[in-house]
Protein backbone atom coordinates (compact mmCIF):
# COMPACT_ATOMS: atom_id res chain seq x y z
CA MET A 1 18.39 1.02 10.57
CA LYS A 2 20.00 -2.43 10.35
CA SER A 3 17.03 -3.82 8.41
CA LEU A 4 17.15 -0.78 6.13
CA LYS A 5 20.79 -1.48 5.29
CA ILE A 6 20.05 -5.16 4.66
CA LEU A 7 17.24 -4.36 2.23
CA LEU A 8 19.29 -1.68 0.47
CA SER A 9 22.04 -4.24 -0.05
CA LEU A 10 19.56 -6.71 -1.51
CA ILE A 11 18.18 -4.05 -3.85
CA LEU A 12 21.70 -3.25 -5.06
CA ILE A 13 22.44 -6.94 -5.59
CA PHE A 14 19.21 -7.31 -7.56
CA ALA A 15 19.94 -4.29 -9.74
CA ALA A 16 23.49 -5.45 -10.43
CA GLY A 17 22.39 -8.95 -11.32
CA CYS A 18 19.53 -8.14 -13.65
CA GLU A 19 21.52 -8.78 -16.83
CA THR A 20 22.35 -12.37 -15.92
CA SER A 21 19.45 -13.33 -13.67
CA SER A 22 16.63 -15.37 -15.20
CA GLN A 23 14.06 -13.44 -13.15
CA PHE A 24 13.37 -10.33 -15.14
CA ASN A 25 15.64 -9.97 -18.17
CA ASP A 26 12.95 -11.27 -20.53
CA GLU A 27 10.30 -8.97 -19.12
CA ILE A 28 11.33 -5.43 -18.27
CA PRO A 29 13.90 -2.79 -19.12
CA VAL A 30 15.34 -1.93 -15.69
CA ARG A 31 17.39 1.01 -14.53
CA GLU A 32 19.49 1.63 -11.47
CA LEU A 33 17.39 3.20 -8.71
CA THR A 34 18.43 6.62 -7.53
CA ARG A 35 19.66 6.94 -3.97
CA SER A 36 16.38 8.59 -2.97
CA GLU A 37 14.35 5.77 -4.50
CA LYS A 38 16.40 3.13 -2.69
CA LEU A 39 15.94 4.90 0.63
CA ILE A 40 12.19 5.31 0.40
CA VAL A 41 11.52 1.85 -1.07
CA ALA A 42 13.46 0.18 1.74
CA SER A 43 11.57 2.21 4.34
CA ALA A 44 8.19 1.80 2.61
CA ASP A 45 8.52 -1.98 2.35
CA ASN A 46 9.57 -2.26 5.99
CA PHE A 47 6.50 -0.24 6.97
CA ALA A 48 4.31 -2.23 4.54
CA LEU A 49 5.07 -5.59 6.11
CA LYS A 50 4.93 -4.19 9.64
CA ILE A 51 1.46 -2.67 9.27
CA PHE A 52 0.11 -5.61 7.22
CA LYS A 53 1.20 -8.10 9.91
CA ASN A 54 -0.41 -5.99 12.62
CA ILE A 55 -3.75 -5.73 10.78
CA ALA A 56 -3.82 -9.29 9.42
CA GLU A 57 -3.17 -10.85 12.83
CA SER A 58 -5.98 -8.81 14.36
CA GLU A 59 -8.39 -9.69 11.52
CA SER A 60 -8.15 -13.47 11.85
CA GLY A 61 -10.34 -15.33 9.38
CA LYS A 62 -11.21 -12.15 7.49
CA ASN A 63 -10.16 -10.75 4.13
CA VAL A 64 -7.66 -7.88 4.35
CA PHE A 65 -6.48 -5.54 1.60
CA ILE A 66 -4.50 -2.38 2.29
CA SER A 67 -2.20 0.01 0.46
CA PRO A 68 0.80 0.66 2.70
CA LEU A 69 2.07 3.10 0.08
CA SER A 70 -1.10 5.19 0.35
CA ILE A 71 -0.95 5.16 4.16
CA SER A 72 2.74 6.05 4.10
CA MET A 73 2.24 8.98 1.69
CA ALA A 74 -0.67 10.50 3.62
CA LEU A 75 1.34 10.27 6.83
CA GLY A 76 4.45 11.45 4.96
CA MET A 77 2.68 14.70 4.11
CA THR A 78 1.54 15.01 7.74
CA LEU A 79 5.11 14.44 8.93
CA ASN A 80 6.08 17.82 7.47
CA GLY A 81 3.97 19.45 10.17
CA ALA A 82 5.22 17.40 13.12
CA ASP A 83 7.97 18.38 15.54
CA GLY A 84 9.79 17.06 18.60
CA THR A 85 8.82 13.64 19.97
CA THR A 86 5.78 13.55 17.69
CA TYR A 87 8.04 13.81 14.65
CA GLU A 88 10.36 11.11 16.00
CA ALA A 89 7.45 8.74 16.74
CA MET A 90 5.97 9.18 13.27
CA GLN A 91 9.38 8.85 11.63
CA ASN A 92 10.08 5.59 13.49
CA THR A 93 6.62 4.16 12.75
CA LEU A 94 7.08 4.88 9.03
CA SER A 95 10.54 3.22 9.17
CA LEU A 96 12.19 6.49 8.12
CA SER A 97 14.69 6.74 10.98
CA GLY A 98 18.10 8.01 9.95
CA LEU A 99 16.78 10.09 7.06
CA THR A 100 16.61 13.88 7.09
CA GLN A 101 13.30 15.60 6.33
CA GLN A 102 14.75 16.78 3.03
CA GLU A 103 15.74 13.21 2.09
CA ILE A 104 12.27 11.95 3.03
CA ASN A 105 10.50 14.53 0.88
CA GLU A 106 12.84 14.05 -2.07
CA SER A 107 12.41 10.28 -1.78
CA TYR A 108 8.61 10.44 -1.93
CA GLN A 109 8.82 12.83 -4.89
CA SER A 110 11.19 10.52 -6.77
CA LEU A 111 9.11 7.42 -6.02
CA ILE A 112 5.92 9.07 -7.33
CA GLU A 113 7.70 9.90 -10.58
CA LEU A 114 9.10 6.36 -10.90
CA LEU A 115 5.88 4.47 -10.20
CA THR A 116 3.62 6.58 -12.37
CA GLY A 117 5.90 6.58 -15.40
CA ILE A 118 7.64 3.23 -15.57
CA ASP A 119 5.15 1.08 -17.53
CA SER A 120 3.08 2.53 -20.36
CA LYS A 121 0.87 -0.57 -20.43
CA VAL A 122 -0.25 -0.17 -16.81
CA ILE A 123 -2.35 2.66 -15.38
CA MET A 124 -0.68 3.79 -12.17
CA GLN A 125 -1.90 7.08 -10.71
CA ILE A 126 -1.00 8.76 -7.42
CA ALA A 127 -2.79 11.89 -6.23
CA ASN A 128 -2.37 13.93 -3.04
CA SER A 129 -4.49 16.74 -1.66
CA ILE A 130 -4.81 18.96 1.38
CA TRP A 131 -8.16 20.42 2.42
CA TYR A 132 -8.15 22.94 5.27
CA ARG A 133 -10.55 25.18 7.15
CA ASN A 134 -10.21 28.56 5.45
CA THR A 135 -10.53 30.51 8.70
CA ILE A 136 -7.44 28.90 10.24
CA PRO A 137 -3.87 30.20 9.64
CA PHE A 138 -1.48 27.41 8.67
CA LYS A 139 2.29 27.51 8.25
CA GLN A 140 3.00 28.48 4.64
CA ASP A 141 6.18 26.41 4.61
CA PHE A 142 4.14 23.28 5.44
CA ILE A 143 1.72 23.99 2.59
CA GLU A 144 4.44 24.76 0.03
CA THR A 145 6.57 21.75 0.98
CA ASN A 146 3.69 19.36 0.37
CA ARG A 147 2.79 21.14 -2.85
CA LYS A 148 6.37 20.82 -4.11
CA TYR A 149 7.33 17.28 -3.10
CA PHE A 150 3.96 15.49 -3.04
CA ASP A 151 2.37 17.51 -5.86
CA ALA A 152 -0.52 18.04 -3.43
CA SER A 153 -3.47 20.14 -4.53
CA ILE A 154 -4.15 22.77 -1.86
CA ASN A 155 -7.79 23.57 -1.08
CA PRO A 156 -8.90 26.16 1.51
CA MET A 157 -12.57 25.32 2.21
CA ASN A 158 -15.54 26.40 4.24
CA PHE A 159 -15.83 23.39 6.57
CA SER A 160 -19.20 24.67 7.79
CA ASP A 161 -20.70 24.30 4.31
CA PRO A 162 -22.25 20.81 3.80
CA ALA A 163 -21.19 20.95 0.13
CA THR A 164 -17.52 20.69 1.19
CA ILE A 165 -17.93 16.99 2.02
CA ASN A 166 -19.21 16.30 -1.49
CA ILE A 167 -16.37 18.27 -3.07
CA ILE A 168 -13.75 16.27 -1.16
CA ASN A 169 -15.43 12.95 -1.91
CA ASN A 170 -15.79 13.82 -5.60
CA TRP A 171 -12.01 14.33 -5.71
CA VAL A 172 -11.61 10.91 -4.08
CA LYS A 173 -13.94 9.26 -6.60
CA GLU A 174 -12.21 10.87 -9.58
CA SER A 175 -8.74 10.02 -8.26
CA THR A 176 -9.62 6.32 -7.80
CA GLY A 177 -11.26 5.71 -11.16
CA GLY A 178 -14.68 5.76 -9.53
CA LYS A 179 -13.90 2.73 -7.35
CA ILE A 180 -13.97 4.54 -3.99
CA ASP A 181 -16.69 7.16 -3.78
CA LYS A 182 -16.14 8.66 -0.32
CA ILE A 183 -13.71 8.91 2.57
CA VAL A 184 -15.23 11.81 4.55
CA GLU A 185 -18.59 11.14 6.18
CA GLN A 186 -18.83 14.32 8.24
CA ILE A 187 -16.67 17.23 9.34
CA ASP A 188 -16.34 17.70 13.06
CA PRO A 189 -16.27 21.31 14.31
CA ALA A 190 -12.84 20.54 15.77
CA THR A 191 -11.43 19.34 12.44
CA ILE A 192 -9.11 21.83 10.74
CA MET A 193 -7.51 19.76 7.95
CA PHE A 194 -7.67 16.58 5.84
CA LEU A 195 -4.52 15.24 4.16
CA ILE A 196 -5.57 12.67 1.57
CA ASN A 197 -3.68 10.28 -0.69
CA ALA A 198 -5.37 8.36 -3.50
CA ILE A 199 -3.88 5.56 -5.62
CA TYR A 200 -5.41 3.94 -8.70
CA PHE A 201 -3.91 0.89 -10.43
CA LYS A 202 -5.15 -0.97 -13.48
CA GLY A 203 -3.03 -3.65 -15.07
CA THR A 204 -3.78 -6.37 -17.60
CA TRP A 205 -2.02 -9.67 -17.09
CA LYS A 206 0.96 -10.13 -19.36
CA TYR A 207 -0.34 -13.68 -19.82
CA GLN A 208 -4.13 -13.50 -19.63
CA PHE A 209 -6.49 -16.22 -18.48
CA ASP A 210 -8.95 -17.56 -21.04
CA LYS A 211 -12.50 -16.71 -19.87
CA ASN A 212 -13.79 -19.86 -21.60
CA LYS A 213 -11.64 -21.97 -19.28
CA THR A 214 -12.94 -20.42 -16.05
CA ILE A 215 -14.92 -23.07 -14.18
CA ASP A 216 -17.12 -23.51 -11.11
CA ASP A 217 -14.93 -24.80 -8.29
CA VAL A 218 -14.54 -24.71 -4.52
CA PHE A 219 -12.26 -22.79 -2.16
CA LYS A 220 -11.33 -24.39 1.18
CA LYS A 221 -11.25 -22.07 4.18
CA GLU A 222 -8.93 -22.77 7.11
CA THR A 223 -11.95 -23.77 9.18
CA GLY A 224 -12.51 -26.67 6.77
CA GLU A 225 -15.59 -25.09 5.24
CA THR A 226 -15.75 -25.15 1.43
CA ILE A 227 -17.38 -22.39 -0.60
CA ALA A 228 -18.21 -22.06 -4.27
CA CYS A 229 -16.04 -19.85 -6.48
CA ARG A 230 -15.19 -19.19 -10.12
CA MET A 231 -11.73 -20.61 -10.77
CA MET A 232 -9.53 -19.29 -13.58
CA ASN A 233 -6.70 -21.45 -14.94
CA LEU A 234 -3.64 -20.94 -17.09
CA GLU A 235 -0.64 -23.05 -18.10
CA ASN A 236 2.47 -20.96 -18.55
CA ASP A 237 6.04 -20.32 -17.50
CA PHE A 238 5.85 -18.61 -14.12
CA TYR A 239 8.49 -17.25 -11.76
CA LEU A 240 8.40 -19.41 -8.63
CA SER A 241 10.21 -20.16 -5.42
CA SER A 242 9.28 -22.32 -2.46
CA ASN A 243 10.37 -23.43 1.00
CA ASP A 244 8.89 -25.59 3.75
CA SER A 245 6.33 -22.91 4.66
CA PHE A 246 4.99 -21.58 1.36
CA THR A 247 5.20 -21.34 -2.42
CA VAL A 248 5.72 -17.99 -4.15
CA ILE A 249 4.35 -17.30 -7.64
CA ASP A 250 4.78 -14.03 -9.50
CA LEU A 251 2.23 -12.92 -12.13
CA PRO A 252 3.33 -9.97 -14.31
CA TYR A 253 1.19 -7.15 -15.64
CA GLY A 254 1.73 -5.12 -18.82
CA ARG A 255 5.38 -5.06 -19.83
CA GLY A 256 6.33 -6.77 -16.58
CA ASN A 257 7.29 -3.83 -14.38
CA PHE A 258 4.35 -4.50 -12.08
CA SER A 259 3.29 -7.91 -10.82
CA MET A 260 1.11 -9.73 -8.33
CA THR A 261 3.24 -11.79 -5.96
CA ILE A 262 1.32 -14.59 -4.23
CA LEU A 263 2.38 -16.57 -1.15
CA LEU A 264 0.48 -19.85 -0.86
CA PRO A 265 0.98 -21.58 2.52
CA ALA A 266 2.08 -25.23 2.53
CA LYS A 267 -0.77 -27.62 3.30
CA ASP A 268 0.43 -28.08 6.88
CA LYS A 269 0.80 -24.33 7.49
CA THR A 270 -1.73 -21.59 8.19
CA ILE A 271 -1.79 -18.15 6.69
CA ASN A 272 -0.75 -16.72 10.08
CA ASP A 273 2.28 -19.06 10.08
CA VAL A 274 3.42 -17.41 6.85
CA ILE A 275 2.60 -13.86 7.98
CA GLY A 276 4.71 -14.42 11.08
CA THR A 277 7.81 -15.09 8.97
CA LEU A 278 7.56 -11.94 6.84
CA THR A 279 10.25 -9.30 7.26
CA ASP A 280 11.66 -6.80 4.81
CA ALA A 281 14.81 -8.91 4.47
CA SER A 282 12.93 -12.20 3.97
CA TRP A 283 10.61 -10.53 1.45
CA ALA A 284 13.55 -9.26 -0.61
CA GLY A 285 15.21 -12.66 -0.34
CA LEU A 286 12.25 -14.62 -1.66
CA ILE A 287 11.81 -12.17 -4.55
CA ASN A 288 15.47 -12.52 -5.46
CA ASN A 289 15.20 -16.33 -5.61
CA LEU A 290 12.39 -16.56 -8.16
CA THR A 291 13.06 -19.05 -10.97
CA LYS A 292 11.08 -19.62 -14.16
CA MET A 293 9.17 -22.92 -14.32
CA LYS A 294 6.18 -24.20 -16.25
CA ARG A 295 3.09 -24.74 -14.13
CA GLN A 296 -0.68 -25.08 -14.41
CA LEU A 297 -2.17 -22.34 -12.25
CA TYR A 298 -5.70 -22.30 -10.82
CA MET A 299 -6.71 -18.97 -9.31
CA PRO A 300 -10.11 -17.71 -8.07
CA LYS A 301 -11.71 -14.60 -9.43
CA PHE A 302 -12.43 -12.21 -6.58
CA LYS A 303 -13.48 -8.67 -5.80
CA LEU A 304 -12.93 -7.01 -2.41
CA GLU A 305 -13.81 -3.74 -0.77
CA TYR A 306 -12.08 -3.08 2.52
CA LYS A 307 -12.07 -0.25 5.03
CA ILE A 308 -10.37 0.27 8.35
CA ASN A 309 -9.79 3.00 10.88
CA LEU A 310 -6.04 2.99 11.51
CA ASN A 311 -5.94 4.92 14.79
CA GLU A 312 -5.34 1.93 17.06
CA THR A 313 -3.04 0.21 14.57
CA LEU A 314 -0.76 3.24 14.28
CA LYS A 315 -0.80 3.76 18.05
CA SER A 316 0.29 0.15 18.57
CA LEU A 317 3.13 0.66 16.07
CA GLY A 318 4.51 3.53 18.14
CA MET A 319 2.73 6.64 16.88
CA GLY A 320 0.47 7.16 19.89
CA VAL A 321 1.78 10.61 20.80
CA ALA A 322 0.55 12.02 17.47
CA PHE A 323 -3.03 11.20 18.53
CA GLU A 324 -2.81 12.88 21.96
CA PRO A 325 -4.90 16.09 22.02
CA PHE A 326 -2.60 17.77 24.53
CA GLY A 327 0.59 15.81 23.83
CA ALA A 328 1.00 15.96 20.03
CA ASN A 329 3.32 18.54 18.54
CA PHE A 330 2.32 19.82 15.09
CA LYS A 331 3.80 23.28 15.49
CA ARG A 332 5.26 23.14 11.96
CA LEU A 333 1.72 22.76 10.61
CA TYR A 334 -0.30 25.10 12.82
CA ASP A 335 0.64 27.59 15.49
CA GLY A 336 -2.72 28.69 16.85
CA LEU A 337 -3.87 28.99 20.44
CA ASN A 338 -5.20 25.41 20.47
CA ASN A 339 -3.13 22.25 20.09
CA ALA A 340 -3.29 20.28 16.82
CA TYR A 341 -3.24 16.48 16.75
CA ILE A 342 -4.22 13.57 14.49
CA SER A 343 -7.84 12.80 15.30
CA ASN A 344 -8.53 10.14 12.69
CA VAL A 345 -6.82 8.05 9.98
CA GLU A 346 -9.27 6.34 7.62
CA HIS A 347 -8.25 3.86 4.91
CA LYS A 348 -10.35 2.35 2.12
CA THR A 349 -9.38 -0.01 -0.69
CA PHE A 350 -10.86 -1.85 -3.66
CA VAL A 351 -9.51 -4.73 -5.76
CA ASP A 352 -10.98 -6.72 -8.65
CA VAL A 353 -9.01 -9.73 -9.93
CA ASN A 354 -10.31 -11.39 -13.09
CA GLU A 355 -9.18 -13.05 -16.33
CA GLU A 356 -7.98 -9.79 -17.90
CA GLY A 357 -6.00 -8.43 -14.98
CA THR A 358 -6.39 -6.39 -11.80
CA GLU A 359 -7.98 -3.08 -10.89
CA ALA A 360 -7.14 -1.66 -7.47
CA ALA A 361 -7.60 1.61 -5.63
CA ALA A 362 -6.85 3.05 -2.22
CA VAL A 363 -7.54 6.22 -0.26
CA THR A 364 -6.02 7.30 3.03
CA SER A 365 -7.28 10.35 4.93
CA VAL A 366 -5.39 11.87 7.85
CA GLU A 367 -7.70 14.16 9.80
CA ILE A 368 -6.16 16.91 11.92
CA GLY A 369 -8.16 18.20 14.85
CA VAL A 370 -7.49 20.80 17.49
CA THR A 371 -8.34 20.89 21.15
CA SER A 372 -11.21 22.99 22.38
CA ILE A 373 -12.66 23.85 18.95
CA ARG A 374 -13.96 20.23 18.79
CA ASP A 375 3.74 -29.20 -7.32
CA ASP A 376 3.18 -29.02 -11.23
CA ILE A 377 -0.25 -27.78 -10.40
CA ILE A 378 -0.70 -24.84 -8.15
CA ARG A 379 -4.23 -24.41 -6.82
CA LEU A 380 -5.00 -21.23 -4.99
CA ASP A 381 -7.98 -22.95 -3.43
CA ARG A 382 -7.25 -22.00 0.16
CA PRO A 383 -6.35 -18.74 1.94
CA PHE A 384 -3.34 -16.95 0.50
CA ILE A 385 -1.45 -13.67 0.73
CA PHE A 386 -1.13 -11.43 -2.32
CA ALA A 387 0.74 -8.22 -3.04
CA ILE A 388 0.93 -5.87 -6.00
CA ARG A 389 4.42 -4.49 -6.43
CA GLU A 390 6.60 -2.63 -8.89
CA LYS A 391 9.50 -4.90 -9.77
CA ASN A 392 12.21 -2.42 -10.67
CA SER A 393 12.05 -0.83 -7.22
CA ASN A 394 10.43 -3.81 -5.43
CA CYS A 395 8.00 -1.30 -3.88
CA ILE A 396 4.88 -2.91 -2.39
CA LEU A 397 1.82 -0.95 -3.62
CA PHE A 398 -0.90 -3.13 -2.12
CA ILE A 399 -0.84 -6.23 0.12
CA GLY A 400 -3.62 -8.41 1.44
CA LYS A 401 -4.87 -11.88 2.27
CA LEU A 402 -7.80 -13.74 0.73
CA GLU A 403 -9.65 -15.96 3.15
CA ASP A 404 -13.07 -16.02 1.44
CA PRO A 405 -13.45 -15.05 -2.25
CA SER A 406 -17.24 -15.07 -1.96
CA LEU A 407 -17.31 -12.04 0.35
CA GLN A 408 -17.80 -8.78 -1.52
């Protein structure tokens, strides 16, 4: 709760100082965040950095790209069905402690409206859906709450029909601009529900790279190995900040509401050194200290597809009870003879960074099962961290690390 208060204070300071700060007044028309938006952004960013650090440290030397917002929303829908210690564990893991269920739902609803409507020059789409076995009775309040606050489409389905998998995956493909074509591989006889969030983002750089200036270059991995890459370059006024550990550069999309924020480690630091310093308070602090300076930027083109099963990650972050077949409590979701629990959390992402801008997509599926049914020049030529965020709220949409731009 202390970190939540710190970040809320920083958000308020940022909003109050927008008229005089050099950071954003030449880019975006800002508005004061609502109380609900401040609450959920603070919690979402805390969760974003927490889960990114956990995954990145376990994926040493590998590319990582996740959407904490997608994970948070899928689990946020699931939270409406949890009770008792399961609810508390999920609430703590999502950094939502201290908020009532009503505040949580209203906050997600408000954030969806903000993010999808703030910049007409950027495509930002958020879709939620619930797919459930049509022979199982679910709590109507759970269904209606997610329909109201998450705008979730509700789909009773015949889980025994092989066509159901295609129907779900077609929704995923459509909701991600065709970039992610499936999230469900099979339906276990013990599975009674899928809660799925999909996010699609497409933004053109406010200051685009000239394709004619993109050159063949090399990217140095932390192992010392060099690999070939296509390097874009652009000279422009950028928003920057730096310390002994890393340099921050912010690249705006569209009108400037959304941006890619890059953290390039100092030459004597590793990417894990930088990841270890990230907290919600330090993140807000570095964003608030950005200053406009002219620089020549070299940046590799890259395209990534990433997938991860989040079961062990979420257990390690404190949500283990939700995965226990006989220990989880989802009585607000399902009140049958068998016990409901989270059996699987799958996450897939896509990102394409080129001269025109960035296209990114994410899908998170929460599967519910039941027991017994079954300098002047900045060269991004070494591993770096990158995040896509919405500036007015400072909400982190996607975050990742690039360790090898040649890997597809």
